[in-house]
Amino acid sequence: MKHVDSKRLKLKFLKDYALTEPLLNKKLLRSLSNRKRKFGCWPNDIKALNRYGIPYVLFAGGSHHALKKPRKYCKVFYISNYSHLPLIKCRKSLTVSPMKERRTGLTTVLLENNVYAAGGCVNEDESLSTAERYDPIINEWTPVASMLIGHSFHGACAYNDHVYVIGGRINSIVETYNPIRDKWYRCQNTPSQYWHHGNRAAVSGASIYSFGVSKNGPMNIRLDAREGQWQKLNNDVNVVGGFEVTSYDHSLYFSGGYSSKGEGKRECLRFDTRSGWEVLSEMNHGRYGHSALIIQDKLYVFGGYNNGFVSTVEYYDFQEKKWTIDCSVEIAHYQGGAAFIQHPNN
């Protein structure tokens, strides 16, 4: 394999032969650029899909609430037949490599079908500055360059082929990661520090949105990455800690969070970037510290906590405007990361 010049390999060759060949080893795969390794290059190629990978949800890290012990192990659930529900736990053994470090309060960002886990913490006093990348092709986590400072319970998103990490617990620092250079760069800080419960972030259109609470109250802001300036949004809506935000079709969807009594909230809000806030139907179960993903045009929420682990999975149908419990699977997942990936079919 050392005699193969990966730069000269054409996409058609990779599509028709190399990427569907199970004998292709990890060494050659590592030498390919992200563009050539990306699963999404040929979404209609069923042969490549069946041989090369099927859709999975990857869960990484988190903590056991009773022990408050961060985890580094990962697990996956796959989407049945890719085109319809439900989520199904893998019936055959599927080993997923654990992360290099234990992390809770981390973020996971999908970029070019690689999952970047950034920050988090192992105790309440110190946030991690380290980051690592999961490559589903070779099933390995690899350390990448460390951030400039530590972040935990922060917001993160992918924008313009970069990973953005925003604020976090007692933090106003914003950083962006260039995967080609393997380097982090400082961006303009948020207007003030987010407070103990941190913040969440998502992309809609050409802007990055960040929501949370500062010492002085709600801090909902927008960053035009082209201009590099934060702008304040309507702060009349107070998004409490422990919530999740997900982007879909010009809107941001907020689920769960802490109640004033420290219990998980059932509420769900929609923020239309053009017209403002709207209250949606409530989830079946209150939860905080959960994960949320858009899968097959539905908003899924996984796990969380509410006077005990919430293991139910439910989804919001944007057309029917209601929540439905997915009875096919239960997932105990708290303060960890989640990503929707293509995983090789072993």
C-alpha atoms as a PDB file:
ATOM      1  CA  MET A   1       0.000   0.000   0.000  1.00  0.00           C
ATOM      2  CA  LYS A   2       2.918   2.358   0.480  1.00  0.00           C
ATOM      3  CA  HIS A   3       3.347   2.447  -3.312  1.00  0.00           C
ATOM      4  CA  VAL A   4      -0.201   3.770  -3.866  1.00  0.00           C
ATOM      5  CA  ASP A   5      -0.454   7.508  -4.483  1.00  0.00           C
ATOM      6  CA  SER A   6      -3.881   8.244  -2.996  1.00  0.00           C
ATOM      7  CA  LYS A   7      -3.973  11.700  -4.584  1.00  0.00           C
ATOM      8  CA  ARG A   8      -4.171  10.096  -8.036  1.00  0.00           C
ATOM      9  CA  LEU A   9      -7.081   7.795  -7.187  1.00  0.00           C
ATOM     10  CA  LYS A  10     -10.169   8.931  -9.067  1.00  0.00           C
ATOM     11  CA  LEU A  11     -13.572   9.137  -7.409  1.00  0.00           C
ATOM     12  CA  LYS A  12     -15.093   6.775  -9.979  1.00  0.00           C
ATOM     13  CA  PHE A  13     -12.516   4.112  -9.141  1.00  0.00           C
ATOM     14  CA  LEU A  14     -13.156   4.559  -5.432  1.00  0.00           C
ATOM     15  CA  LYS A  15     -16.903   4.453  -5.979  1.00  0.00           C
ATOM     16  CA  ASP A  16     -17.033   1.381  -8.218  1.00  0.00           C
ATOM     17  CA  TYR A  17     -14.231  -0.699  -6.773  1.00  0.00           C
ATOM     18  CA  ALA A  18     -12.163   0.470  -3.836  1.00  0.00           C
ATOM     19  CA  LEU A  19     -14.838   1.611  -1.386  1.00  0.00           C
ATOM     20  CA  THR A  20     -16.886  -1.568  -1.817  1.00  0.00           C
ATOM     21  CA  GLU A  21     -13.880  -3.816  -1.353  1.00  0.00           C
ATOM     22  CA  PRO A  22     -13.754  -5.250   2.189  1.00  0.00           C
ATOM     23  CA  LEU A  23     -10.035  -6.003   1.848  1.00  0.00           C
ATOM     24  CA  LEU A  24      -9.194  -2.322   1.567  1.00  0.00           C
ATOM     25  CA  ASN A  25      -7.139  -1.789   4.689  1.00  0.00           C
ATOM     26  CA  LYS A  26      -7.043   1.010   7.239  1.00  0.00           C
ATOM     27  CA  LYS A  27      -3.701   2.321   6.064  1.00  0.00           C
ATOM     28  CA  LEU A  28      -5.009   3.258   2.618  1.00  0.00           C
ATOM     29  CA  LEU A  29      -8.241   4.664   4.032  1.00  0.00           C
ATOM     30  CA  ARG A  30      -6.254   6.952   6.319  1.00  0.00           C
ATOM     31  CA  SER A  31      -4.358   8.315   3.325  1.00  0.00           C
ATOM     32  CA  LEU A  32      -7.511   9.399   1.480  1.00  0.00           C
ATOM     33  CA  SER A  33      -8.775  12.957   1.754  1.00  0.00           C
ATOM     34  CA  ASN A  34     -12.079  13.573   3.549  1.00  0.00           C
ATOM     35  CA  ARG A  35     -13.682  14.411   0.211  1.00  0.00           C
ATOM     36  CA  LYS A  36     -12.842  10.996  -1.191  1.00  0.00           C
ATOM     37  CA  ARG A  37     -13.789   9.135   1.974  1.00  0.00           C
ATOM     38  CA  LYS A  38     -17.105  10.888   2.453  1.00  0.00           C
ATOM     39  CA  PHE A  39     -20.047   8.486   2.418  1.00  0.00           C
ATOM     40  CA  GLY A  40     -22.417  11.069   1.013  1.00  0.00           C
ATOM     41  CA  CYS A  41     -20.613  11.293  -2.336  1.00  0.00           C
ATOM     42  CA  TRP A  42     -22.848   8.613  -3.828  1.00  0.00           C
ATOM     43  CA  PRO A  43     -26.143   8.516  -1.907  1.00  0.00           C
ATOM     44  CA  ASN A  44     -27.933   6.607  -4.662  1.00  0.00           C
ATOM     45  CA  ASP A  45     -25.345   3.887  -4.960  1.00  0.00           C
ATOM     46  CA  ILE A  46     -27.107   1.076  -3.110  1.00  0.00           C
ATOM     47  CA  LYS A  47     -24.267  -1.355  -3.596  1.00  0.00           C
ATOM     48  CA  ALA A  48     -21.796   1.003  -2.002  1.00  0.00           C
ATOM     49  CA  LEU A  49     -24.247   1.767   0.791  1.00  0.00           C
ATOM     50  CA  ASN A  50     -24.838  -1.886   1.609  1.00  0.00           C
ATOM     51  CA  ARG A  51     -21.170  -2.819   1.424  1.00  0.00           C
ATOM     52  CA  TYR A  52     -19.743   0.353   2.864  1.00  0.00           C
ATOM     53  CA  GLY A  53     -22.078   1.398   5.626  1.00  0.00           C
ATOM     54  CA  ILE A  54     -25.570   2.017   6.920  1.00  0.00           C
ATOM     55  CA  PRO A  55     -26.970   4.877   9.021  1.00  0.00           C
ATOM     56  CA  TYR A  56     -26.304   4.805  12.739  1.00  0.00           C
ATOM     57  CA  VAL A  57     -26.702   7.052  15.727  1.00  0.00           C
ATOM     58  CA  LEU A  58     -23.472   7.218  17.701  1.00  0.00           C
ATOM     59  CA  PHE A  59     -23.613   8.039  21.414  1.00  0.00           C
ATOM     60  CA  ALA A  60     -20.377   9.124  23.068  1.00  0.00           C
ATOM     61  CA  GLY A  61     -19.425   9.714  26.689  1.00  0.00           C
ATOM     62  CA  GLY A  62     -21.712  11.229  29.278  1.00  0.00           C
ATOM     63  CA  SER A  63     -22.068  10.334  32.929  1.00  0.00           C
ATOM     64  CA  HIS A  64     -23.823   8.063  35.341  1.00  0.00           C
ATOM     65  CA  HIS A  65     -25.828  10.543  37.402  1.00  0.00           C
ATOM     66  CA  ALA A  66     -25.707   8.598  40.656  1.00  0.00           C
ATOM     67  CA  LEU A  67     -21.935   8.098  40.542  1.00  0.00           C
ATOM     68  CA  LYS A  68     -21.174  11.329  38.663  1.00  0.00           C
ATOM     69  CA  LYS A  69     -18.480   9.392  36.854  1.00  0.00           C
ATOM     70  CA  PRO A  70     -17.702  10.481  33.281  1.00  0.00           C
ATOM     71  CA  ARG A  71     -17.653   7.812  30.620  1.00  0.00           C
ATOM     72  CA  LYS A  72     -15.532   7.282  27.551  1.00  0.00           C
ATOM     73  CA  TYR A  73     -17.323   4.336  26.002  1.00  0.00           C
ATOM     74  CA  CYS A  74     -19.538   4.662  22.933  1.00  0.00           C
ATOM     75  CA  LYS A  75     -22.515   2.768  21.556  1.00  0.00           C
ATOM     76  CA  VAL A  76     -24.515   2.812  18.352  1.00  0.00           C
ATOM     77  CA  PHE A  77     -28.077   2.227  17.203  1.00  0.00           C
ATOM     78  CA  TYR A  78     -28.990   1.868  13.557  1.00  0.00           C
ATOM     79  CA  ILE A  79     -31.918   3.103  11.511  1.00  0.00           C
ATOM     80  CA  SER A  80     -34.058   0.278  10.164  1.00  0.00           C
ATOM     81  CA  ASN A  81     -33.984   0.150   6.343  1.00  0.00           C
ATOM     82  CA  TYR A  82     -32.790   3.772   6.350  1.00  0.00           C
ATOM     83  CA  SER A  83     -36.065   5.004   4.863  1.00  0.00           C
ATOM     84  CA  HIS A  84     -38.497   4.488   7.739  1.00  0.00           C
ATOM     85  CA  LEU A  85     -38.831   4.028  11.480  1.00  0.00           C
ATOM     86  CA  PRO A  86     -38.008   2.679  13.957  1.00  0.00           C
ATOM     87  CA  LEU A  87     -34.608   2.919  15.584  1.00  0.00           C
ATOM     88  CA  ILE A  88     -33.334  -0.557  16.353  1.00  0.00           C
ATOM     89  CA  LYS A  89     -30.598  -1.722  18.650  1.00  0.00           C
ATOM     90  CA  CYS A  90     -27.967  -3.784  16.827  1.00  0.00           C
ATOM     91  CA  ARG A  91     -28.827  -7.453  17.168  1.00  0.00           C
ATOM     92  CA  LYS A  92     -25.313  -8.585  16.341  1.00  0.00           C
ATOM     93  CA  SER A  93     -22.244  -7.498  18.242  1.00  0.00           C
ATOM     94  CA  LEU A  94     -20.913  -4.204  16.969  1.00  0.00           C
ATOM     95  CA  THR A  95     -17.826  -2.997  18.756  1.00  0.00           C
ATOM     96  CA  VAL A  96     -17.315   0.748  18.838  1.00  0.00           C
ATOM     97  CA  SER A  97     -13.998   2.029  20.083  1.00  0.00           C
ATOM     98  CA  PRO A  98     -14.157   4.104  23.274  1.00  0.00           C
ATOM     99  CA  MET A  99     -12.916   7.665  23.292  1.00  0.00           C
ATOM    100  CA  LYS A 100      -9.372   8.337  24.420  1.00  0.00           C
ATOM    101  CA  GLU A 101     -10.632  10.304  27.439  1.00  0.00           C
ATOM    102  CA  ARG A 102     -13.598  10.203  29.773  1.00  0.00           C
ATOM    103  CA  ARG A 103     -15.915  13.136  29.104  1.00  0.00           C
ATOM    104  CA  THR A 104     -19.217  14.444  30.332  1.00  0.00           C
ATOM    105  CA  GLY A 105     -20.721  17.756  29.268  1.00  0.00           C
ATOM    106  CA  LEU A 106     -18.962  17.380  25.918  1.00  0.00           C
ATOM    107  CA  THR A 107     -20.172  18.205  22.421  1.00  0.00           C
ATOM    108  CA  THR A 108     -20.048  16.043  19.312  1.00  0.00           C
ATOM    109  CA  VAL A 109     -20.022  17.627  15.864  1.00  0.00           C
ATOM    110  CA  LEU A 110     -20.351  15.775  12.555  1.00  0.00           C
ATOM    111  CA  LEU A 111     -18.072  17.006   9.779  1.00  0.00           C
ATOM    112  CA  GLU A 112     -17.323  15.003   6.604  1.00  0.00           C
ATOM    113  CA  ASN A 113     -18.723  11.896   8.362  1.00  0.00           C
ATOM    114  CA  ASN A 114     -16.121  12.219  11.092  1.00  0.00           C
ATOM    115  CA  VAL A 115     -17.342  12.938  14.610  1.00  0.00           C
ATOM    116  CA  TYR A 116     -15.419  15.524  16.616  1.00  0.00           C
ATOM    117  CA  ALA A 117     -15.742  15.283  20.404  1.00  0.00           C
ATOM    118  CA  ALA A 118     -14.582  18.470  22.090  1.00  0.00           C
ATOM    119  CA  GLY A 119     -14.163  19.522  25.686  1.00  0.00           C
ATOM    120  CA  GLY A 120     -16.312  18.341  28.537  1.00  0.00           C
ATOM    121  CA  CYS A 121     -15.116  17.688  32.056  1.00  0.00           C
ATOM    122  CA  VAL A 122     -14.175  14.944  34.498  1.00  0.00           C
ATOM    123  CA  ASN A 123     -15.097  16.974  37.586  1.00  0.00           C
ATOM    124  CA  GLU A 124     -16.901  20.203  38.406  1.00  0.00           C
ATOM    125  CA  ASP A 125     -13.726  22.234  38.836  1.00  0.00           C
ATOM    126  CA  GLU A 126     -11.955  21.809  35.518  1.00  0.00           C
ATOM    127  CA  SER A 127     -13.056  21.834  31.868  1.00  0.00           C
ATOM    128  CA  LEU A 128     -11.161  19.826  29.263  1.00  0.00           C
ATOM    129  CA  SER A 129      -9.387  21.542  26.387  1.00  0.00           C
ATOM    130  CA  THR A 130      -8.689  18.290  24.548  1.00  0.00           C
ATOM    131  CA  ALA A 131     -10.542  17.086  21.454  1.00  0.00           C
ATOM    132  CA  GLU A 132     -10.633  13.888  19.414  1.00  0.00           C
ATOM    133  CA  ARG A 133     -12.033  12.622  16.126  1.00  0.00           C
ATOM    134  CA  TYR A 134     -13.928   9.403  15.440  1.00  0.00           C
ATOM    135  CA  ASP A 135     -13.494   7.845  12.007  1.00  0.00           C
ATOM    136  CA  PRO A 136     -16.241   5.233  11.428  1.00  0.00           C
ATOM    137  CA  ILE A 137     -14.343   3.702   8.523  1.00  0.00           C
ATOM    138  CA  ILE A 138     -11.525   2.476  10.738  1.00  0.00           C
ATOM    139  CA  ASN A 139     -13.527   2.578  13.997  1.00  0.00           C
ATOM    140  CA  GLU A 140     -10.935   4.629  15.853  1.00  0.00           C
ATOM    141  CA  TRP A 141     -10.793   7.777  17.944  1.00  0.00           C
ATOM    142  CA  THR A 142      -7.737   9.921  17.267  1.00  0.00           C
ATOM    143  CA  PRO A 143      -6.620  12.928  19.332  1.00  0.00           C
ATOM    144  CA  VAL A 144      -6.593  16.216  17.431  1.00  0.00           C
ATOM    145  CA  ALA A 145      -5.142  19.570  18.430  1.00  0.00           C
ATOM    146  CA  SER A 146      -6.291  20.808  21.825  1.00  0.00           C
ATOM    147  CA  MET A 147      -8.454  23.894  22.113  1.00  0.00           C
ATOM    148  CA  LEU A 148      -6.943  27.112  23.397  1.00  0.00           C
ATOM    149  CA  ILE A 149      -8.821  26.775  26.705  1.00  0.00           C
ATOM    150  CA  GLY A 150     -11.172  24.269  28.305  1.00  0.00           C
ATOM    151  CA  HIS A 151     -14.919  24.208  27.558  1.00  0.00           C
ATOM    152  CA  SER A 152     -17.720  22.181  29.152  1.00  0.00           C
ATOM    153  CA  PHE A 153     -21.501  22.271  28.761  1.00  0.00           C
ATOM    154  CA  HIS A 154     -20.844  24.509  25.785  1.00  0.00           C
ATOM    155  CA  GLY A 155     -22.377  24.992  22.365  1.00  0.00           C
ATOM    156  CA  ALA A 156     -20.805  23.568  19.215  1.00  0.00           C
ATOM    157  CA  CYS A 157     -21.671  23.241  15.540  1.00  0.00           C
ATOM    158  CA  ALA A 158     -20.206  22.741  12.078  1.00  0.00           C
ATOM    159  CA  TYR A 159     -20.119  25.710   9.729  1.00  0.00           C
ATOM    160  CA  ASN A 160     -18.251  26.211   6.449  1.00  0.00           C
ATOM    161  CA  ASP A 161     -16.144  23.048   6.962  1.00  0.00           C
ATOM    162  CA  HIS A 162     -15.018  24.190  10.416  1.00  0.00           C
ATOM    163  CA  VAL A 163     -15.995  23.175  13.944  1.00  0.00           C
ATOM    164  CA  TYR A 164     -17.118  26.031  16.197  1.00  0.00           C
ATOM    165  CA  VAL A 165     -16.996  25.777  19.993  1.00  0.00           C
ATOM    166  CA  ILE A 166     -18.856  28.515  21.848  1.00  0.00           C
ATOM    167  CA  GLY A 167     -18.717  29.494  25.497  1.00  0.00           C
ATOM    168  CA  GLY A 168     -19.812  26.937  28.035  1.00  0.00           C
ATOM    169  CA  ARG A 169     -19.968  26.965  31.812  1.00  0.00           C
ATOM    170  CA  ILE A 170     -18.514  30.280  33.129  1.00  0.00           C
ATOM    171  CA  ASN A 171     -17.067  30.926  29.682  1.00  0.00           C
ATOM    172  CA  SER A 172     -17.267  33.507  26.890  1.00  0.00           C
ATOM    173  CA  ILE A 173     -14.477  32.205  24.635  1.00  0.00           C
ATOM    174  CA  VAL A 174     -15.320  31.196  21.053  1.00  0.00           C
ATOM    175  CA  GLU A 175     -12.983  29.022  18.986  1.00  0.00           C
ATOM    176  CA  THR A 176     -13.028  27.491  15.517  1.00  0.00           C
ATOM    177  CA  TYR A 177     -11.192  24.371  14.376  1.00  0.00           C
ATOM    178  CA  ASN A 178      -9.722  23.887  10.899  1.00  0.00           C
ATOM    179  CA  PRO A 179      -9.481  20.105  10.331  1.00  0.00           C
ATOM    180  CA  ILE A 180      -7.085  20.485   7.399  1.00  0.00           C
ATOM    181  CA  ARG A 181      -4.568  22.466   9.442  1.00  0.00           C
ATOM    182  CA  ASP A 182      -5.459  20.679  12.678  1.00  0.00           C
ATOM    183  CA  LYS A 183      -5.494  24.019  14.451  1.00  0.00           C
ATOM    184  CA  TRP A 184      -7.835  26.099  16.630  1.00  0.00           C
ATOM    185  CA  TYR A 185      -8.348  29.839  16.161  1.00  0.00           C
ATOM    186  CA  ARG A 186      -9.936  32.470  18.400  1.00  0.00           C
ATOM    187  CA  CYS A 187     -13.128  34.215  17.312  1.00  0.00           C
ATOM    188  CA  GLN A 188     -14.931  37.132  18.889  1.00  0.00           C
ATOM    189  CA  ASN A 189     -16.074  36.358  22.440  1.00  0.00           C
ATOM    190  CA  THR A 190     -19.732  36.213  23.367  1.00  0.00           C
ATOM    191  CA  PRO A 191     -20.959  39.519  24.906  1.00  0.00           C
ATOM    192  CA  SER A 192     -20.576  38.061  28.411  1.00  0.00           C
ATOM    193  CA  GLN A 193     -19.904  34.729  30.085  1.00  0.00           C
ATOM    194  CA  TYR A 194     -22.524  32.020  30.075  1.00  0.00           C
ATOM    195  CA  TRP A 195     -23.346  30.938  33.593  1.00  0.00           C
ATOM    196  CA  HIS A 196     -23.199  27.579  35.378  1.00  0.00           C
ATOM    197  CA  HIS A 197     -25.572  25.717  33.059  1.00  0.00           C
ATOM    198  CA  GLY A 198     -23.629  26.725  29.938  1.00  0.00           C
ATOM    199  CA  ASN A 199     -25.241  27.097  26.531  1.00  0.00           C
ATOM    200  CA  ARG A 200     -26.204  25.367  23.296  1.00  0.00           C
ATOM    201  CA  ALA A 201     -25.607  26.375  19.673  1.00  0.00           C
ATOM    202  CA  ALA A 202     -26.864  25.538  16.182  1.00  0.00           C
ATOM    203  CA  VAL A 203     -26.576  26.789  12.608  1.00  0.00           C
ATOM    204  CA  SER A 204     -29.413  28.194  10.539  1.00  0.00           C
ATOM    205  CA  GLY A 205     -28.750  29.790   7.173  1.00  0.00           C
ATOM    206  CA  ALA A 206     -25.506  31.753   7.233  1.00  0.00           C
ATOM    207  CA  SER A 207     -25.574  32.350  10.989  1.00  0.00           C
ATOM    208  CA  ILE A 208     -24.552  30.571  14.167  1.00  0.00           C
ATOM    209  CA  TYR A 209     -26.999  30.898  17.060  1.00  0.00           C
ATOM    210  CA  SER A 210     -26.149  30.488  20.741  1.00  0.00           C
ATOM    211  CA  PHE A 211     -28.642  30.304  23.609  1.00  0.00           C
ATOM    212  CA  GLY A 212     -28.180  30.225  27.355  1.00  0.00           C
ATOM    213  CA  VAL A 213     -28.167  32.268  30.528  1.00  0.00           C
ATOM    214  CA  SER A 214     -25.514  34.721  31.662  1.00  0.00           C
ATOM    215  CA  LYS A 215     -25.101  36.207  35.133  1.00  0.00           C
ATOM    216  CA  ASN A 216     -27.406  39.045  34.091  1.00  0.00           C
ATOM    217  CA  GLY A 217     -30.148  36.891  32.572  1.00  0.00           C
ATOM    218  CA  PRO A 218     -30.930  35.235  29.220  1.00  0.00           C
ATOM    219  CA  MET A 219     -28.306  35.641  26.512  1.00  0.00           C
ATOM    220  CA  ASN A 220     -29.610  34.620  23.092  1.00  0.00           C
ATOM    221  CA  ILE A 221     -27.248  35.751  20.347  1.00  0.00           C
ATOM    222  CA  ARG A 222     -26.428  35.317  16.668  1.00  0.00           C
ATOM    223  CA  LEU A 223     -23.057  35.285  14.915  1.00  0.00           C
ATOM    224  CA  ASP A 224     -22.694  36.113  11.245  1.00  0.00           C
ATOM    225  CA  ALA A 225     -19.472  34.197  10.664  1.00  0.00           C
ATOM    226  CA  ARG A 226     -18.713  36.302   7.596  1.00  0.00           C
ATOM    227  CA  GLU A 227     -18.740  39.490   9.660  1.00  0.00           C
ATOM    228  CA  GLY A 228     -17.470  37.926  12.873  1.00  0.00           C
ATOM    229  CA  GLN A 229     -19.810  39.938  15.112  1.00  0.00           C
ATOM    230  CA  TRP A 230     -22.317  38.750  17.715  1.00  0.00           C
ATOM    231  CA  GLN A 231     -25.769  40.328  17.719  1.00  0.00           C
ATOM    232  CA  LYS A 232     -28.368  40.051  20.480  1.00  0.00           C
ATOM    233  CA  LEU A 233     -31.717  38.414  19.793  1.00  0.00           C
ATOM    234  CA  ASN A 234     -34.997  38.707  21.649  1.00  0.00           C
ATOM    235  CA  ASN A 235     -34.125  37.786  25.231  1.00  0.00           C
ATOM    236  CA  ASP A 236     -37.726  37.698  26.430  1.00  0.00           C
ATOM    237  CA  VAL A 237     -37.643  33.900  26.151  1.00  0.00           C
ATOM    238  CA  ASN A 238     -35.589  32.302  28.895  1.00  0.00           C
ATOM    239  CA  VAL A 239     -34.139  28.971  27.785  1.00  0.00           C
ATOM    240  CA  VAL A 240     -33.100  27.205  30.975  1.00  0.00           C
ATOM    241  CA  GLY A 241     -30.118  24.900  31.454  1.00  0.00           C
ATOM    242  CA  GLY A 242     -30.101  21.301  30.311  1.00  0.00           C
ATOM    243  CA  PHE A 243     -32.062  21.962  27.113  1.00  0.00           C
ATOM    244  CA  GLU A 244     -31.111  20.928  23.570  1.00  0.00           C
ATOM    245  CA  VAL A 245     -31.404  22.894  20.335  1.00  0.00           C
ATOM    246  CA  THR A 246     -31.605  21.446  16.825  1.00  0.00           C
ATOM    247  CA  SER A 247     -31.809  23.139  13.432  1.00  0.00           C
ATOM    248  CA  TYR A 248     -34.358  22.225  10.771  1.00  0.00           C
ATOM    249  CA  ASP A 249     -35.743  24.203   7.806  1.00  0.00           C
ATOM    250  CA  HIS A 250     -35.053  27.824   8.847  1.00  0.00           C
ATOM    251  CA  SER A 251     -36.055  27.083  12.438  1.00  0.00           C
ATOM    252  CA  LEU A 252     -34.386  26.100  15.690  1.00  0.00           C
ATOM    253  CA  TYR A 253     -36.145  23.586  17.942  1.00  0.00           C
ATOM    254  CA  PHE A 254     -35.674  23.611  21.719  1.00  0.00           C
ATOM    255  CA  SER A 255     -36.514  20.599  23.870  1.00  0.00           C
ATOM    256  CA  GLY A 256     -36.501  19.963  27.599  1.00  0.00           C
ATOM    257  CA  GLY A 257     -34.330  21.574  30.262  1.00  0.00           C
ATOM    258  CA  TYR A 258     -34.488  22.147  34.017  1.00  0.00           C
ATOM    259  CA  SER A 259     -37.669  23.320  35.703  1.00  0.00           C
ATOM    260  CA  SER A 260     -37.663  25.681  38.692  1.00  0.00           C
ATOM    261  CA  LYS A 261     -37.965  22.584  40.901  1.00  0.00           C
ATOM    262  CA  GLY A 262     -34.970  20.903  39.274  1.00  0.00           C
ATOM    263  CA  GLU A 263     -37.111  18.474  37.304  1.00  0.00           C
ATOM    264  CA  GLY A 264     -37.026  17.790  33.579  1.00  0.00           C
ATOM    265  CA  LYS A 265     -39.292  19.986  31.465  1.00  0.00           C
ATOM    266  CA  ARG A 266     -41.576  18.632  28.750  1.00  0.00           C
ATOM    267  CA  GLU A 267     -41.838  21.848  26.771  1.00  0.00           C
ATOM    268  CA  CYS A 268     -40.690  22.333  23.206  1.00  0.00           C
ATOM    269  CA  LEU A 269     -40.217  25.681  21.474  1.00  0.00           C
ATOM    270  CA  ARG A 270     -39.581  26.698  17.896  1.00  0.00           C
ATOM    271  CA  PHE A 271     -37.564  29.772  16.981  1.00  0.00           C
ATOM    272  CA  ASP A 272     -38.186  30.802  13.386  1.00  0.00           C
ATOM    273  CA  THR A 273     -35.206  32.907  12.383  1.00  0.00           C
ATOM    274  CA  ARG A 274     -37.570  35.073  10.322  1.00  0.00           C
ATOM    275  CA  SER A 275     -40.621  35.470  12.559  1.00  0.00           C
ATOM    276  CA  GLY A 276     -39.758  34.622  16.166  1.00  0.00           C
ATOM    277  CA  TRP A 277     -40.852  32.172  18.873  1.00  0.00           C
ATOM    278  CA  GLU A 278     -43.648  29.600  18.924  1.00  0.00           C
ATOM    279  CA  VAL A 279     -44.724  27.124  21.613  1.00  0.00           C
ATOM    280  CA  LEU A 280     -45.104  23.552  20.315  1.00  0.00           C
ATOM    281  CA  SER A 281     -46.771  20.484  21.788  1.00  0.00           C
ATOM    282  CA  GLU A 282     -45.023  19.042  24.837  1.00  0.00           C
ATOM    283  CA  MET A 283     -42.932  15.892  24.927  1.00  0.00           C
ATOM    284  CA  ASN A 284     -44.360  12.813  26.613  1.00  0.00           C
ATOM    285  CA  HIS A 285     -41.572  12.808  29.200  1.00  0.00           C
ATOM    286  CA  GLY A 286     -39.725  15.685  30.827  1.00  0.00           C
ATOM    287  CA  ARG A 287     -35.950  15.508  30.506  1.00  0.00           C
ATOM    288  CA  TYR A 288     -32.711  17.453  30.698  1.00  0.00           C
ATOM    289  CA  GLY A 289     -29.144  16.584  29.765  1.00  0.00           C
ATOM    290  CA  HIS A 290     -30.477  14.640  26.770  1.00  0.00           C
ATOM    291  CA  SER A 291     -29.419  14.603  23.121  1.00  0.00           C
ATOM    292  CA  ALA A 292     -31.480  15.658  20.103  1.00  0.00           C
ATOM    293  CA  LEU A 293     -30.984  14.942  16.398  1.00  0.00           C
ATOM    294  CA  ILE A 294     -32.870  15.387  13.139  1.00  0.00           C
ATOM    295  CA  ILE A 295     -33.339  11.945  11.575  1.00  0.00           C
ATOM    296  CA  GLN A 296     -35.442  11.313   8.484  1.00  0.00           C
ATOM    297  CA  ASP A 297     -37.225  14.669   8.822  1.00  0.00           C
ATOM    298  CA  LYS A 298     -38.172  14.063  12.448  1.00  0.00           C
ATOM    299  CA  LEU A 299     -36.787  15.511  15.665  1.00  0.00           C
ATOM    300  CA  TYR A 300     -35.548  12.723  17.935  1.00  0.00           C
ATOM    301  CA  VAL A 301     -34.719  13.120  21.627  1.00  0.00           C
ATOM    302  CA  PHE A 302     -32.669  10.499  23.456  1.00  0.00           C
ATOM    303  CA  GLY A 303     -32.236   9.815  27.149  1.00  0.00           C
ATOM    304  CA  GLY A 304     -31.770  12.536  29.732  1.00  0.00           C
ATOM    305  CA  TYR A 305     -32.617  12.755  33.406  1.00  0.00           C
ATOM    306  CA  ASN A 306     -35.721  13.522  35.477  1.00  0.00           C
ATOM    307  CA  ASN A 307     -35.496  12.242  39.060  1.00  0.00           C
ATOM    308  CA  GLY A 308     -33.803   9.238  37.473  1.00  0.00           C
ATOM    309  CA  PHE A 309     -32.586   8.253  34.034  1.00  0.00           C
ATOM    310  CA  VAL A 310     -35.075   8.770  31.216  1.00  0.00           C
ATOM    311  CA  SER A 311     -34.503   5.895  28.819  1.00  0.00           C
ATOM    312  CA  THR A 312     -37.403   6.533  26.461  1.00  0.00           C
ATOM    313  CA  VAL A 313     -36.859   7.764  22.917  1.00  0.00           C
ATOM    314  CA  GLU A 314     -39.451   9.971  21.276  1.00  0.00           C
ATOM    315  CA  TYR A 315     -39.728  11.970  18.094  1.00  0.00           C
ATOM    316  CA  TYR A 316     -41.569  15.057  16.903  1.00  0.00           C
ATOM    317  CA  ASP A 317     -43.299  14.833  13.528  1.00  0.00           C
ATOM    318  CA  PHE A 318     -43.095  18.246  11.855  1.00  0.00           C
ATOM    319  CA  GLN A 319     -46.119  17.515   9.665  1.00  0.00           C
ATOM    320  CA  GLU A 320     -48.415  16.100  12.338  1.00  0.00           C
ATOM    321  CA  LYS A 321     -47.017  18.477  14.983  1.00  0.00           C
ATOM    322  CA  LYS A 322     -46.998  15.916  17.766  1.00  0.00           C
ATOM    323  CA  TRP A 323     -44.616  13.742  19.795  1.00  0.00           C
ATOM    324  CA  THR A 324     -44.614   9.946  19.562  1.00  0.00           C
ATOM    325  CA  ILE A 325     -42.702   7.490  21.733  1.00  0.00           C
ATOM    326  CA  ASP A 326     -40.525   5.073  19.778  1.00  0.00           C
ATOM    327  CA  CYS A 327     -41.198   1.868  21.697  1.00  0.00           C
ATOM    328  CA  SER A 328     -38.617  -0.137  19.750  1.00  0.00           C
ATOM    329  CA  VAL A 329     -35.639   1.014  21.797  1.00  0.00           C
ATOM    330  CA  GLU A 330     -34.606   2.433  25.162  1.00  0.00           C
ATOM    331  CA  ILE A 331     -31.392   4.382  25.711  1.00  0.00           C
ATOM    332  CA  ALA A 332     -29.851   5.504  29.004  1.00  0.00           C
ATOM    333  CA  HIS A 333     -27.859   8.538  27.896  1.00  0.00           C
ATOM    334  CA  TYR A 334     -27.082  11.608  29.994  1.00  0.00           C
ATOM    335  CA  GLN A 335     -24.852  14.660  29.350  1.00  0.00           C
ATOM    336  CA  GLY A 336     -23.140  12.879  26.464  1.00  0.00           C
ATOM    337  CA  GLY A 337     -22.797  13.545  22.756  1.00  0.00           C
ATOM    338  CA  ALA A 338     -24.706  12.098  19.802  1.00  0.00           C
ATOM    339  CA  ALA A 339     -24.246  12.143  16.029  1.00  0.00           C
ATOM    340  CA  PHE A 340     -25.969  10.623  12.992  1.00  0.00           C
ATOM    341  CA  ILE A 341     -23.318   8.829  10.937  1.00  0.00           C
ATOM    342  CA  GLN A 342     -22.736   6.156   8.335  1.00  0.00           C
ATOM    343  CA  HIS A 343     -21.016   3.216   9.972  1.00  0.00           C
ATOM    344  CA  PRO A 344     -19.368   0.340   8.052  1.00  0.00           C
ATOM    345  CA  ASN A 345     -21.494  -2.767   7.934  1.00  0.00           C
ATOM    346  CA  ASN A 346     -19.286  -5.504   9.360  1.00  0.00           C
END
